[in-house]
PDB file of N, CA and C in Angstrom:
ATOM      1  N   MET A   1       7.816   5.088  11.374  1.00  0.00           N
ATOM      2  CA  MET A   1       7.365   3.869  10.737  1.00  0.00           C
ATOM      3  C   MET A   1       7.382   4.096   9.231  1.00  0.00           C
ATOM      4  N   LEU A   2       7.736   3.072   8.475  1.00  0.00           N
ATOM      5  CA  LEU A   2       7.737   3.143   7.027  1.00  0.00           C
ATOM      6  C   LEU A   2       6.303   3.044   6.516  1.00  0.00           C
ATOM      7  N   ALA A   3       5.948   3.881   5.518  1.00  0.00           N
ATOM      8  CA  ALA A   3       4.570   3.933   5.021  1.00  0.00           C
ATOM      9  C   ALA A   3       4.547   3.911   3.499  1.00  0.00           C
ATOM     10  N   LEU A   4       3.385   3.504   2.965  1.00  0.00           N
ATOM     11  CA  LEU A   4       3.114   3.484   1.535  1.00  0.00           C
ATOM     12  C   LEU A   4       1.686   3.972   1.344  1.00  0.00           C
ATOM     13  N   SER A   5       1.495   4.968   0.472  1.00  0.00           N
ATOM     14  CA  SER A   5       0.135   5.460   0.242  1.00  0.00           C
ATOM     15  C   SER A   5      -0.521   4.720  -0.914  1.00  0.00           C
ATOM     16  N   ILE A   6      -1.817   4.506  -0.775  1.00  0.00           N
ATOM     17  CA  ILE A   6      -2.643   3.769  -1.728  1.00  0.00           C
ATOM     18  C   ILE A   6      -3.901   4.599  -1.978  1.00  0.00           C
ATOM     19  N   VAL A   7      -4.268   4.791  -3.236  1.00  0.00           N
ATOM     20  CA  VAL A   7      -5.459   5.576  -3.554  1.00  0.00           C
ATOM     21  C   VAL A   7      -6.724   4.775  -3.206  1.00  0.00           C
ATOM     22  N   SER A   8      -7.681   5.473  -2.624  1.00  0.00           N
ATOM     23  CA  SER A   8      -8.976   4.892  -2.258  1.00  0.00           C
ATOM     24  C   SER A   8      -9.671   4.309  -3.490  1.00  0.00           C
ATOM     25  N   PRO A   9     -10.315   3.163  -3.357  1.00  0.00           N
ATOM     26  CA  PRO A   9     -10.675   2.393  -2.167  1.00  0.00           C
ATOM     27  C   PRO A   9      -9.689   1.268  -1.855  1.00  0.00           C
ATOM     28  N   HIS A  10      -8.535   1.279  -2.487  1.00  0.00           N
ATOM     29  CA  HIS A  10      -7.664   0.112  -2.407  1.00  0.00           C
ATOM     30  C   HIS A  10      -6.946  -0.080  -1.068  1.00  0.00           C
ATOM     31  N   GLY A  11      -6.804   0.979  -0.283  1.00  0.00           N
ATOM     32  CA  GLY A  11      -6.270   0.790   1.059  1.00  0.00           C
ATOM     33  C   GLY A  11      -7.207  -0.061   1.896  1.00  0.00           C
ATOM     34  N   LEU A  12      -8.497   0.244   1.827  1.00  0.00           N
ATOM     35  CA  LEU A  12      -9.480  -0.562   2.561  1.00  0.00           C
ATOM     36  C   LEU A  12      -9.609  -1.959   1.957  1.00  0.00           C
ATOM     37  N   ASN A  13      -9.404  -2.086   0.638  1.00  0.00           N
ATOM     38  CA  ASN A  13      -9.403  -3.421   0.024  1.00  0.00           C
ATOM     39  C   ASN A  13      -8.259  -4.266   0.572  1.00  0.00           C
ATOM     40  N   ILE A  14      -7.122  -3.632   0.855  1.00  0.00           N
ATOM     41  CA  ILE A  14      -6.002  -4.344   1.479  1.00  0.00           C
ATOM     42  C   ILE A  14      -6.372  -4.725   2.906  1.00  0.00           C
ATOM     43  N   ALA A  15      -6.894  -3.771   3.660  1.00  0.00           N
ATOM     44  CA  ALA A  15      -7.246  -4.020   5.065  1.00  0.00           C
ATOM     45  C   ALA A  15      -8.269  -5.150   5.207  1.00  0.00           C
ATOM     46  N   SER A  16      -9.180  -5.271   4.238  1.00  0.00           N
ATOM     47  CA  SER A  16     -10.212  -6.307   4.304  1.00  0.00           C
ATOM     48  C   SER A  16      -9.734  -7.664   3.791  1.00  0.00           C
ATOM     49  N   GLY A  17      -8.534  -7.707   3.193  1.00  0.00           N
ATOM     50  CA  GLY A  17      -8.004  -8.958   2.655  1.00  0.00           C
ATOM     51  C   GLY A  17      -8.420  -9.233   1.224  1.00  0.00           C
ATOM     52  N   GLN A  18      -9.203  -8.355   0.633  1.00  0.00           N
ATOM     53  CA  GLN A  18      -9.649  -8.533  -0.746  1.00  0.00           C
ATOM     54  C   GLN A  18      -8.508  -8.319  -1.738  1.00  0.00           C
ATOM     55  N   LYS A  19      -7.646  -7.351  -1.481  1.00  0.00           N
ATOM     56  CA  LYS A  19      -6.517  -7.034  -2.360  1.00  0.00           C
ATOM     57  C   LYS A  19      -5.253  -7.634  -1.738  1.00  0.00           C
ATOM     58  N   THR A  20      -4.655  -8.604  -2.415  1.00  0.00           N
ATOM     59  CA  THR A  20      -3.476  -9.289  -1.870  1.00  0.00           C
ATOM     60  C   THR A  20      -2.191  -8.950  -2.619  1.00  0.00           C
ATOM     61  N   LEU A  21      -2.325  -8.202  -3.704  1.00  0.00           N
ATOM     62  CA  LEU A  21      -1.158  -7.729  -4.463  1.00  0.00           C
ATOM     63  C   LEU A  21      -1.255  -6.223  -4.664  1.00  0.00           C
ATOM     64  N   GLU A  22      -0.181  -5.526  -4.411  1.00  0.00           N
ATOM     65  CA  GLU A  22      -0.093  -4.100  -4.731  1.00  0.00           C
ATOM     66  C   GLU A  22       0.796  -3.973  -5.958  1.00  0.00           C
ATOM     67  N   ILE A  23       0.324  -3.268  -6.972  1.00  0.00           N
ATOM     68  CA  ILE A  23       1.041  -3.165  -8.235  1.00  0.00           C
ATOM     69  C   ILE A  23       1.734  -1.808  -8.309  1.00  0.00           C
ATOM     70  N   ARG A  24       3.029  -1.856  -8.597  1.00  0.00           N
ATOM     71  CA  ARG A  24       3.845  -0.645  -8.688  1.00  0.00           C
ATOM     72  C   ARG A  24       4.769  -0.735  -9.899  1.00  0.00           C
ATOM     73  N   SER A  25       5.204   0.420 -10.372  1.00  0.00           N
ATOM     74  CA  SER A  25       6.146   0.472 -11.493  1.00  0.00           C
ATOM     75  C   SER A  25       7.586   0.378 -11.002  1.00  0.00           C
ATOM     76  N   TRP A  26       7.788   0.353  -9.705  1.00  0.00           N
ATOM     77  CA  TRP A  26       9.123   0.345  -9.108  1.00  0.00           C
ATOM     78  C   TRP A  26       9.176  -0.697  -7.993  1.00  0.00           C
ATOM     79  N   ARG A  27      10.396  -1.023  -7.610  1.00  0.00           N
ATOM     80  CA  ARG A  27      10.635  -1.979  -6.523  1.00  0.00           C
ATOM     81  C   ARG A  27      11.412  -1.301  -5.408  1.00  0.00           C
ATOM     82  N   PRO A  28      11.205  -1.733  -4.176  1.00  0.00           N
ATOM     83  CA  PRO A  28      12.018  -1.184  -3.076  1.00  0.00           C
ATOM     84  C   PRO A  28      13.444  -1.709  -3.175  1.00  0.00           C
ATOM     85  N   GLU A  29      14.345  -1.047  -2.476  1.00  0.00           N
ATOM     86  CA  GLU A  29      15.754  -1.422  -2.527  1.00  0.00           C
ATOM     87  C   GLU A  29      16.028  -2.784  -1.919  1.00  0.00           C
ATOM     88  N   SER A  30      15.266  -3.152  -0.891  1.00  0.00           N
ATOM     89  CA  SER A  30      15.519  -4.446  -0.247  1.00  0.00           C
ATOM     90  C   SER A  30      14.231  -5.010   0.347  1.00  0.00           C
ATOM     91  N   LEU A  31      14.258  -6.316   0.552  1.00  0.00           N
ATOM     92  CA  LEU A  31      13.161  -7.059   1.167  1.00  0.00           C
ATOM     93  C   LEU A  31      13.731  -7.907   2.288  1.00  0.00           C
ATOM     94  N   PRO A  32      12.956  -8.335   3.217  1.00  0.00           N
ATOM     95  CA  PRO A  32      11.526  -8.070   3.382  1.00  0.00           C
ATOM     96  C   PRO A  32      11.290  -6.674   3.959  1.00  0.00           C
ATOM     97  N   ILE A  33      10.064  -6.219   3.817  1.00  0.00           N
ATOM     98  CA  ILE A  33       9.610  -5.006   4.501  1.00  0.00           C
ATOM     99  C   ILE A  33       8.537  -5.463   5.466  1.00  0.00           C
ATOM    100  N   ARG A  34       8.806  -5.292   6.727  1.00  0.00           N
ATOM    101  CA  ARG A  34       7.846  -5.710   7.752  1.00  0.00           C
ATOM    102  C   ARG A  34       7.243  -4.484   8.427  1.00  0.00           C
ATOM    103  N   ASP A  35       6.011  -4.611   8.844  1.00  0.00           N
ATOM    104  CA  ASP A  35       5.298  -3.536   9.543  1.00  0.00           C
ATOM    105  C   ASP A  35       5.233  -2.269   8.697  1.00  0.00           C
ATOM    106  N   LEU A  36       4.800  -2.435   7.448  1.00  0.00           N
ATOM    107  CA  LEU A  36       4.618  -1.316   6.525  1.00  0.00           C
ATOM    108  C   LEU A  36       3.219  -0.747   6.725  1.00  0.00           C
ATOM    109  N   LEU A  37       3.143   0.538   7.017  1.00  0.00           N
ATOM    110  CA  LEU A  37       1.861   1.206   7.226  1.00  0.00           C
ATOM    111  C   LEU A  37       1.239   1.526   5.871  1.00  0.00           C
ATOM    112  N   ILE A  38       0.003   1.100   5.677  1.00  0.00           N
ATOM    113  CA  ILE A  38      -0.739   1.426   4.466  1.00  0.00           C
ATOM    114  C   ILE A  38      -1.602   2.650   4.764  1.00  0.00           C
ATOM    115  N   VAL A  39      -1.394   3.704   3.984  1.00  0.00           N
ATOM    116  CA  VAL A  39      -2.108   4.963   4.144  1.00  0.00           C
ATOM    117  C   VAL A  39      -2.999   5.147   2.923  1.00  0.00           C
ATOM    118  N   GLU A  40      -4.302   5.237   3.148  1.00  0.00           N
ATOM    119  CA  GLU A  40      -5.233   5.442   2.041  1.00  0.00           C
ATOM    120  C   GLU A  40      -5.483   6.940   1.874  1.00  0.00           C
ATOM    121  N   ASN A  41      -5.427   7.384   0.615  1.00  0.00           N
ATOM    122  CA  ASN A  41      -5.702   8.781   0.317  1.00  0.00           C
ATOM    123  C   ASN A  41      -6.605   8.875  -0.897  1.00  0.00           C
ATOM    124  N   SER A  42      -7.179  10.055  -1.116  1.00  0.00           N
ATOM    125  CA  SER A  42      -8.159  10.202  -2.191  1.00  0.00           C
ATOM    126  C   SER A  42      -7.591  10.805  -3.462  1.00  0.00           C
ATOM    127  N   GLU A  43      -6.348  11.281  -3.425  1.00  0.00           N
ATOM    128  CA  GLU A  43      -5.749  11.932  -4.584  1.00  0.00           C
ATOM    129  C   GLU A  43      -4.600  11.104  -5.137  1.00  0.00           C
ATOM    130  N   PHE A  44      -4.521  11.023  -6.471  1.00  0.00           N
ATOM    131  CA  PHE A  44      -3.377  10.374  -7.095  1.00  0.00           C
ATOM    132  C   PHE A  44      -2.180  11.292  -6.926  1.00  0.00           C
ATOM    133  N   LEU A  45      -1.102  10.786  -6.335  1.00  0.00           N
ATOM    134  CA  LEU A  45       0.072  11.606  -6.072  1.00  0.00           C
ATOM    135  C   LEU A  45       1.026  11.563  -7.257  1.00  0.00           C
ATOM    136  N   SER A  46       1.663  12.701  -7.541  1.00  0.00           N
ATOM    137  CA  SER A  46       2.588  12.822  -8.666  1.00  0.00           C
ATOM    138  C   SER A  46       3.708  13.773  -8.280  1.00  0.00           C
ATOM    139  N   VAL A  47       4.620  13.994  -9.190  1.00  0.00           N
ATOM    140  CA  VAL A  47       5.704  14.950  -8.940  1.00  0.00           C
ATOM    141  C   VAL A  47       5.114  16.329  -8.666  1.00  0.00           C
ATOM    142  N   ASP A  48       4.054  16.676  -9.385  1.00  0.00           N
ATOM    143  CA  ASP A  48       3.410  17.977  -9.192  1.00  0.00           C
ATOM    144  C   ASP A  48       2.521  18.031  -7.954  1.00  0.00           C
ATOM    145  N   ASN A  49       2.074  16.884  -7.483  1.00  0.00           N
ATOM    146  CA  ASN A  49       1.192  16.789  -6.319  1.00  0.00           C
ATOM    147  C   ASN A  49       1.737  15.691  -5.395  1.00  0.00           C
ATOM    148  N   PRO A  50       2.867  15.949  -4.693  1.00  0.00           N
ATOM    149  CA  PRO A  50       3.554  14.877  -3.967  1.00  0.00           C
ATOM    150  C   PRO A  50       2.994  14.516  -2.594  1.00  0.00           C
ATOM    151  N   ILE A  51       2.089  15.341  -2.034  1.00  0.00           N
ATOM    152  CA  ILE A  51       1.593  15.086  -0.675  1.00  0.00           C
ATOM    153  C   ILE A  51       0.084  15.329  -0.605  1.00  0.00           C
ATOM    154  N   ASP A  52      -0.612  14.409   0.071  1.00  0.00           N
ATOM    155  CA  ASP A  52      -2.016  14.597   0.427  1.00  0.00           C
ATOM    156  C   ASP A  52      -2.054  14.615   1.957  1.00  0.00           C
ATOM    157  N   PRO A  53      -2.306  15.764   2.572  1.00  0.00           N
ATOM    158  CA  PRO A  53      -2.274  15.831   4.036  1.00  0.00           C
ATOM    159  C   PRO A  53      -3.409  15.069   4.708  1.00  0.00           C
ATOM    160  N   ASN A  54      -4.386  14.586   3.949  1.00  0.00           N
ATOM    161  CA  ASN A  54      -5.562  13.940   4.519  1.00  0.00           C
ATOM    162  C   ASN A  54      -5.562  12.425   4.373  1.00  0.00           C
ATOM    163  N   GLY A  55      -4.391  11.792   4.435  1.00  0.00           N
ATOM    164  CA  GLY A  55      -4.327  10.337   4.376  1.00  0.00           C
ATOM    165  C   GLY A  55      -4.836   9.698   5.656  1.00  0.00           C
ATOM    166  N   LYS A  56      -5.268   8.444   5.541  1.00  0.00           N
ATOM    167  CA  LYS A  56      -5.791   7.719   6.703  1.00  0.00           C
ATOM    168  C   LYS A  56      -5.075   6.379   6.827  1.00  0.00           C
ATOM    169  N   ALA A  57      -4.552   6.080   7.994  1.00  0.00           N
ATOM    170  CA  ALA A  57      -3.909   4.797   8.255  1.00  0.00           C
ATOM    171  C   ALA A  57      -4.974   3.709   8.274  1.00  0.00           C
ATOM    172  N   VAL A  58      -4.806   2.672   7.408  1.00  0.00           N
ATOM    173  CA  VAL A  58      -5.848   1.639   7.318  1.00  0.00           C
ATOM    174  C   VAL A  58      -5.350   0.232   7.639  1.00  0.00           C
ATOM    175  N   ALA A  59      -4.037  -0.006   7.515  1.00  0.00           N
ATOM    176  CA  ALA A  59      -3.526  -1.362   7.779  1.00  0.00           C
ATOM    177  C   ALA A  59      -2.015  -1.328   7.958  1.00  0.00           C
ATOM    178  N   ILE A  60      -1.524  -2.392   8.535  1.00  0.00           N
ATOM    179  CA  ILE A  60      -0.089  -2.655   8.607  1.00  0.00           C
ATOM    180  C   ILE A  60       0.118  -4.013   7.952  1.00  0.00           C
ATOM    181  N   VAL A  61       1.099  -4.094   7.052  1.00  0.00           N
ATOM    182  CA  VAL A  61       1.327  -5.316   6.279  1.00  0.00           C
ATOM    183  C   VAL A  61       2.820  -5.644   6.250  1.00  0.00           C
ATOM    184  N   ASP A  62       3.106  -6.828   5.753  1.00  0.00           N
ATOM    185  CA  ASP A  62       4.484  -7.225   5.452  1.00  0.00           C
ATOM    186  C   ASP A  62       4.585  -7.468   3.959  1.00  0.00           C
ATOM    187  N   ILE A  63       5.730  -7.153   3.388  1.00  0.00           N
ATOM    188  CA  ILE A  63       6.042  -7.449   1.992  1.00  0.00           C
ATOM    189  C   ILE A  63       7.238  -8.398   2.015  1.00  0.00           C
ATOM    190  N   GLU A  64       6.987  -9.646   1.713  1.00  0.00           N
ATOM    191  CA  GLU A  64       8.045 -10.657   1.738  1.00  0.00           C
ATOM    192  C   GLU A  64       8.617 -10.926   0.355  1.00  0.00           C
ATOM    193  N   GLU A  65       7.796 -10.670  -0.686  1.00  0.00           N
ATOM    194  CA  GLU A  65       8.184 -11.082  -2.042  1.00  0.00           C
ATOM    195  C   GLU A  65       7.602 -10.123  -3.063  1.00  0.00           C
ATOM    196  N   ILE A  66       8.376  -9.851  -4.120  1.00  0.00           N
ATOM    197  CA  ILE A  66       7.939  -9.036  -5.246  1.00  0.00           C
ATOM    198  C   ILE A  66       8.309  -9.785  -6.518  1.00  0.00           C
ATOM    199  N   HIS A  67       7.383  -9.803  -7.473  1.00  0.00           N
ATOM    200  CA  HIS A  67       7.642 -10.486  -8.746  1.00  0.00           C
ATOM    201  C   HIS A  67       7.013  -9.698  -9.891  1.00  0.00           C
ATOM    202  N   GLU A  68       7.366 -10.049 -11.113  1.00  0.00           N
ATOM    203  CA  GLU A  68       6.745  -9.398 -12.257  1.00  0.00           C
ATOM    204  C   GLU A  68       5.256  -9.707 -12.261  1.00  0.00           C
ATOM    205  N   TRP A  69       4.452  -8.680 -12.438  1.00  0.00           N
ATOM    206  CA  TRP A  69       3.005  -8.828 -12.437  1.00  0.00           C
ATOM    207  C   TRP A  69       2.576  -9.640 -13.648  1.00  0.00           C
ATOM    208  N   GLN A  70       1.730 -10.631 -13.409  1.00  0.00           N
ATOM    209  CA  GLN A  70       1.250 -11.524 -14.456  1.00  0.00           C
ATOM    210  C   GLN A  70      -0.196 -11.190 -14.837  1.00  0.00           C
ATOM    211  N   SER A  71      -0.552 -11.443 -16.077  1.00  0.00           N
ATOM    212  CA  SER A  71      -1.911 -11.154 -16.543  1.00  0.00           C
ATOM    213  C   SER A  71      -2.960 -11.970 -15.795  1.00  0.00           C
ATOM    214  N   SER A  72      -2.566 -13.062 -15.183  1.00  0.00           N
ATOM    215  CA  SER A  72      -3.493 -13.902 -14.424  1.00  0.00           C
ATOM    216  C   SER A  72      -3.752 -13.362 -13.003  1.00  0.00           C
ATOM    217  N   GLU A  73      -3.128 -12.257 -12.626  1.00  0.00           N
ATOM    218  CA  GLU A  73      -3.210 -11.738 -11.259  1.00  0.00           C
ATOM    219  C   GLU A  73      -4.044 -10.457 -11.137  1.00  0.00           C
ATOM    220  N   VAL A  74      -4.888 -10.181 -12.111  1.00  0.00           N
ATOM    221  CA  VAL A  74      -5.691  -8.958 -12.097  1.00  0.00           C
ATOM    222  C   VAL A  74      -6.639  -8.934 -10.895  1.00  0.00           C
ATOM    223  N   ALA A  75      -7.310 -10.035 -10.612  1.00  0.00           N
ATOM    224  CA  ALA A  75      -8.273 -10.080  -9.504  1.00  0.00           C
ATOM    225  C   ALA A  75      -7.590  -9.865  -8.157  1.00  0.00           C
ATOM    226  N   GLU A  76      -6.434 -10.482  -7.945  1.00  0.00           N
ATOM    227  CA  GLU A  76      -5.711 -10.334  -6.676  1.00  0.00           C
ATOM    228  C   GLU A  76      -5.265  -8.900  -6.436  1.00  0.00           C
ATOM    229  N   ALA A  77      -5.097  -8.148  -7.518  1.00  0.00           N
ATOM    230  CA  ALA A  77      -4.680  -6.753  -7.424  1.00  0.00           C
ATOM    231  C   ALA A  77      -5.868  -5.790  -7.386  1.00  0.00           C
ATOM    232  N   CYS A  78      -7.095  -6.334  -7.489  1.00  0.00           N
ATOM    233  CA  CYS A  78      -8.307  -5.501  -7.568  1.00  0.00           C
ATOM    234  C   CYS A  78      -8.160  -4.467  -8.684  1.00  0.00           C
ATOM    235  N   SER A  79      -7.624  -4.916  -9.797  1.00  0.00           N
ATOM    236  CA  SER A  79      -7.350  -4.032 -10.924  1.00  0.00           C
ATOM    237  C   SER A  79      -8.413  -4.178 -12.004  1.00  0.00           C
ATOM    238  N   SER A  80      -8.547  -3.155 -12.815  1.00  0.00           N
ATOM    239  CA  SER A  80      -9.496  -3.215 -13.927  1.00  0.00           C
ATOM    240  C   SER A  80      -8.837  -3.741 -15.200  1.00  0.00           C
ATOM    241  N   GLY A  81      -7.531  -3.958 -15.168  1.00  0.00           N
ATOM    242  CA  GLY A  81      -6.838  -4.471 -16.339  1.00  0.00           C
ATOM    243  C   GLY A  81      -5.369  -4.695 -16.048  1.00  0.00           C
ATOM    244  N   TRP A  82      -4.693  -5.322 -16.991  1.00  0.00           N
ATOM    245  CA  TRP A  82      -3.288  -5.685 -16.820  1.00  0.00           C
ATOM    246  C   TRP A  82      -2.435  -4.958 -17.846  1.00  0.00           C
ATOM    247  N   LYS A  83      -1.224  -4.570 -17.436  1.00  0.00           N
ATOM    248  CA  LYS A  83      -0.231  -4.001 -18.338  1.00  0.00           C
ATOM    249  C   LYS A  83       1.112  -4.637 -17.999  1.00  0.00           C
ATOM    250  N   PRO A  84       1.923  -4.942 -19.003  1.00  0.00           N
ATOM    251  CA  PRO A  84       3.240  -5.513 -18.722  1.00  0.00           C
ATOM    252  C   PRO A  84       4.173  -4.460 -18.130  1.00  0.00           C
ATOM    253  N   GLY A  85       5.236  -4.949 -17.501  1.00  0.00           N
ATOM    254  CA  GLY A  85       6.274  -4.052 -16.995  1.00  0.00           C
ATOM    255  C   GLY A  85       6.062  -3.549 -15.583  1.00  0.00           C
ATOM    256  N   TYR A  86       5.109  -4.113 -14.865  1.00  0.00           N
ATOM    257  CA  TYR A  86       4.852  -3.701 -13.489  1.00  0.00           C
ATOM    258  C   TYR A  86       5.257  -4.802 -12.514  1.00  0.00           C
ATOM    259  N   TRP A  87       5.385  -4.417 -11.251  1.00  0.00           N
ATOM    260  CA  TRP A  87       5.791  -5.337 -10.185  1.00  0.00           C
ATOM    261  C   TRP A  87       4.627  -5.598  -9.249  1.00  0.00           C
ATOM    262  N   ALA A  88       4.456  -6.840  -8.861  1.00  0.00           N
ATOM    263  CA  ALA A  88       3.418  -7.247  -7.912  1.00  0.00           C
ATOM    264  C   ALA A  88       4.063  -7.457  -6.543  1.00  0.00           C
ATOM    265  N   TRP A  89       3.645  -6.666  -5.599  1.00  0.00           N
ATOM    266  CA  TRP A  89       4.125  -6.769  -4.225  1.00  0.00           C
ATOM    267  C   TRP A  89       3.147  -7.672  -3.473  1.00  0.00           C
ATOM    268  N   SER A  90       3.607  -8.799  -2.974  1.00  0.00           N
ATOM    269  CA  SER A  90       2.750  -9.739  -2.237  1.00  0.00           C
ATOM    270  C   SER A  90       2.538  -9.234  -0.816  1.00  0.00           C
ATOM    271  N   LEU A  91       1.291  -8.990  -0.459  1.00  0.00           N
ATOM    272  CA  LEU A  91       0.936  -8.465   0.856  1.00  0.00           C
ATOM    273  C   LEU A  91       0.612  -9.618   1.793  1.00  0.00           C
ATOM    274  N   SER A  92       1.238  -9.637   2.949  1.00  0.00           N
ATOM    275  CA  SER A  92       0.982 -10.703   3.916  1.00  0.00           C
ATOM    276  C   SER A  92       0.879 -10.106   5.323  1.00  0.00           C
ATOM    277  N   ASN A  93       0.442 -10.948   6.254  1.00  0.00           N
ATOM    278  CA  ASN A  93       0.315 -10.553   7.654  1.00  0.00           C
ATOM    279  C   ASN A  93      -0.429  -9.220   7.781  1.00  0.00           C
ATOM    280  N   VAL A  94      -1.585  -9.134   7.151  1.00  0.00           N
ATOM    281  CA  VAL A  94      -2.366  -7.894   7.118  1.00  0.00           C
ATOM    282  C   VAL A  94      -3.047  -7.680   8.467  1.00  0.00           C
ATOM    283  N   ARG A  95      -2.819  -6.509   9.043  1.00  0.00           N
ATOM    284  CA  ARG A  95      -3.417  -6.131  10.319  1.00  0.00           C
ATOM    285  C   ARG A  95      -4.208  -4.837  10.126  1.00  0.00           C
ATOM    286  N   PRO A  96      -5.526  -4.935  10.007  1.00  0.00           N
ATOM    287  CA  PRO A  96      -6.341  -3.732   9.816  1.00  0.00           C
ATOM    288  C   PRO A  96      -6.235  -2.787  11.012  1.00  0.00           C
ATOM    289  N   ILE A  97      -6.289  -1.512  10.733  1.00  0.00           N
ATOM    290  CA  ILE A  97      -6.321  -0.490  11.776  1.00  0.00           C
ATOM    291  C   ILE A  97      -7.772  -0.016  11.882  1.00  0.00           C
ATOM    292  N   VAL A  98      -8.371  -0.225  13.032  1.00  0.00           N
ATOM    293  CA  VAL A  98      -9.794   0.070  13.182  1.00  0.00           C
ATOM    294  C   VAL A  98     -10.062   1.453  13.754  1.00  0.00           C
ATOM    295  N   THR A  99      -9.092   2.040  14.431  1.00  0.00           N
ATOM    296  CA  THR A  99      -9.271   3.393  14.955  1.00  0.00           C
ATOM    297  C   THR A  99      -8.902   4.390  13.867  1.00  0.00           C
ATOM    298  N   GLU A 100      -9.653   5.471  13.775  1.00  0.00           N
ATOM    299  CA  GLU A 100      -9.410   6.465  12.729  1.00  0.00           C
ATOM    300  C   GLU A 100      -8.197   7.317  13.099  1.00  0.00           C
ATOM    301  N   GLN A 101      -7.131   7.171  12.304  1.00  0.00           N
ATOM    302  CA  GLN A 101      -5.905   7.940  12.526  1.00  0.00           C
ATOM    303  C   GLN A 101      -5.450   8.513  11.193  1.00  0.00           C
ATOM    304  N   PHE A 102      -5.272   9.833  11.164  1.00  0.00           N
ATOM    305  CA  PHE A 102      -4.896  10.507   9.933  1.00  0.00           C
ATOM    306  C   PHE A 102      -3.401  10.791   9.908  1.00  0.00           C
ATOM    307  N   VAL A 103      -2.791  10.498   8.778  1.00  0.00           N
ATOM    308  CA  VAL A 103      -1.369  10.777   8.543  1.00  0.00           C
ATOM    309  C   VAL A 103      -1.237  11.239   7.091  1.00  0.00           C
ATOM    310  N   PRO A 104      -0.212  12.028   6.787  1.00  0.00           N
ATOM    311  CA  PRO A 104      -0.064  12.469   5.397  1.00  0.00           C
ATOM    312  C   PRO A 104       0.283  11.307   4.468  1.00  0.00           C
ATOM    313  N   ALA A 105      -0.201  11.416   3.240  1.00  0.00           N
ATOM    314  CA  ALA A 105       0.154  10.452   2.193  1.00  0.00           C
ATOM    315  C   ALA A 105       1.223  11.092   1.319  1.00  0.00           C
ATOM    316  N   LYS A 106       2.255  10.298   1.001  1.00  0.00           N
ATOM    317  CA  LYS A 106       3.346  10.786   0.163  1.00  0.00           C
ATOM    318  C   LYS A 106       3.676   9.740  -0.887  1.00  0.00           C
ATOM    319  N   ARG A 107       4.540  10.106  -1.813  1.00  0.00           N
ATOM    320  CA  ARG A 107       4.945   9.204  -2.886  1.00  0.00           C
ATOM    321  C   ARG A 107       6.019   8.232  -2.390  1.00  0.00           C
ATOM    322  N   LYS A 108       6.108   7.075  -3.080  1.00  0.00           N
ATOM    323  CA  LYS A 108       7.101   6.028  -2.801  1.00  0.00           C
ATOM    324  C   LYS A 108       6.964   5.545  -1.356  1.00  0.00           C
ATOM    325  N   LEU A 109       8.048   5.003  -0.800  1.00  0.00           N
ATOM    326  CA  LEU A 109       8.090   4.621   0.613  1.00  0.00           C
ATOM    327  C   LEU A 109       8.571   5.836   1.393  1.00  0.00           C
ATOM    328  N   TYR A 110       7.962   6.088   2.549  1.00  0.00           N
ATOM    329  CA  TYR A 110       8.342   7.265   3.320  1.00  0.00           C
ATOM    330  C   TYR A 110       8.158   6.986   4.811  1.00  0.00           C
ATOM    331  N   GLU A 111       8.832   7.762   5.619  1.00  0.00           N
ATOM    332  CA  GLU A 111       8.737   7.628   7.068  1.00  0.00           C
ATOM    333  C   GLU A 111       7.642   8.533   7.606  1.00  0.00           C
ATOM    334  N   VAL A 112       6.901   8.020   8.586  1.00  0.00           N
ATOM    335  CA  VAL A 112       5.828   8.763   9.224  1.00  0.00           C
ATOM    336  C   VAL A 112       5.885   8.490  10.725  1.00  0.00           C
ATOM    337  N   ASP A 113       5.525   9.490  11.509  1.00  0.00           N
ATOM    338  CA  ASP A 113       5.457   9.317  12.953  1.00  0.00           C
ATOM    339  C   ASP A 113       4.110   8.687  13.269  1.00  0.00           C
ATOM    340  N   PHE A 114       4.141   7.392  13.611  1.00  0.00           N
ATOM    341  CA  PHE A 114       2.908   6.659  13.835  1.00  0.00           C
ATOM    342  C   PHE A 114       3.186   5.548  14.819  1.00  0.00           C
ATOM    343  N   SER A 115       2.289   5.393  15.766  1.00  0.00           N
ATOM    344  CA  SER A 115       2.401   4.260  16.687  1.00  0.00           C
ATOM    345  C   SER A 115       1.036   3.582  16.769  1.00  0.00           C
ATOM    346  N   TYR A 116       1.089   2.263  16.830  1.00  0.00           N
ATOM    347  CA  TYR A 116      -0.141   1.478  16.854  1.00  0.00           C
ATOM    348  C   TYR A 116       0.064   0.278  17.753  1.00  0.00           C
ATOM    349  N   ALA A 117      -0.804   0.126  18.718  1.00  0.00           N
ATOM    350  CA  ALA A 117      -0.748  -1.046  19.603  1.00  0.00           C
ATOM    351  C   ALA A 117      -1.828  -2.025  19.160  1.00  0.00           C
ATOM    352  N   GLU A 118      -1.424  -3.243  18.854  1.00  0.00           N
ATOM    353  CA  GLU A 118      -2.398  -4.261  18.443  1.00  0.00           C
ATOM    354  C   GLU A 118      -3.257  -4.653  19.632  1.00  0.00           C
ATOM    355  N   ALA A 119      -4.514  -4.909  19.363  1.00  0.00           N
ATOM    356  CA  ALA A 119      -5.440  -5.300  20.429  1.00  0.00           C
ATOM    357  C   ALA A 119      -5.196  -6.731  20.841  1.00  0.00           C
TER     358      ALA A 119
END
């Protein structure tokens, strides 16, 4: 399954529906992305720190649309401020994962062995 890691508490903010935009400096190669696993982790990942083995699966979402992030969209992103030059990924069809399942968190989009049956 395709996954995207999000630093805590924003994975749970996505799962609860509070965060409807994910802000990134990059865009995926193609859209839509359906059934994207959101993995929440506690460490900011970088080139020097590319993996957090203690990620937690918190939601499955769809990404139908990406646009330039606007200064009027700070609240939807659960952000503390706005900067130009970023992309807003519109999160839709959010399906929270209620069972505790741990998967590694990695940078960018990545594949993970994960299966989830909706209730």
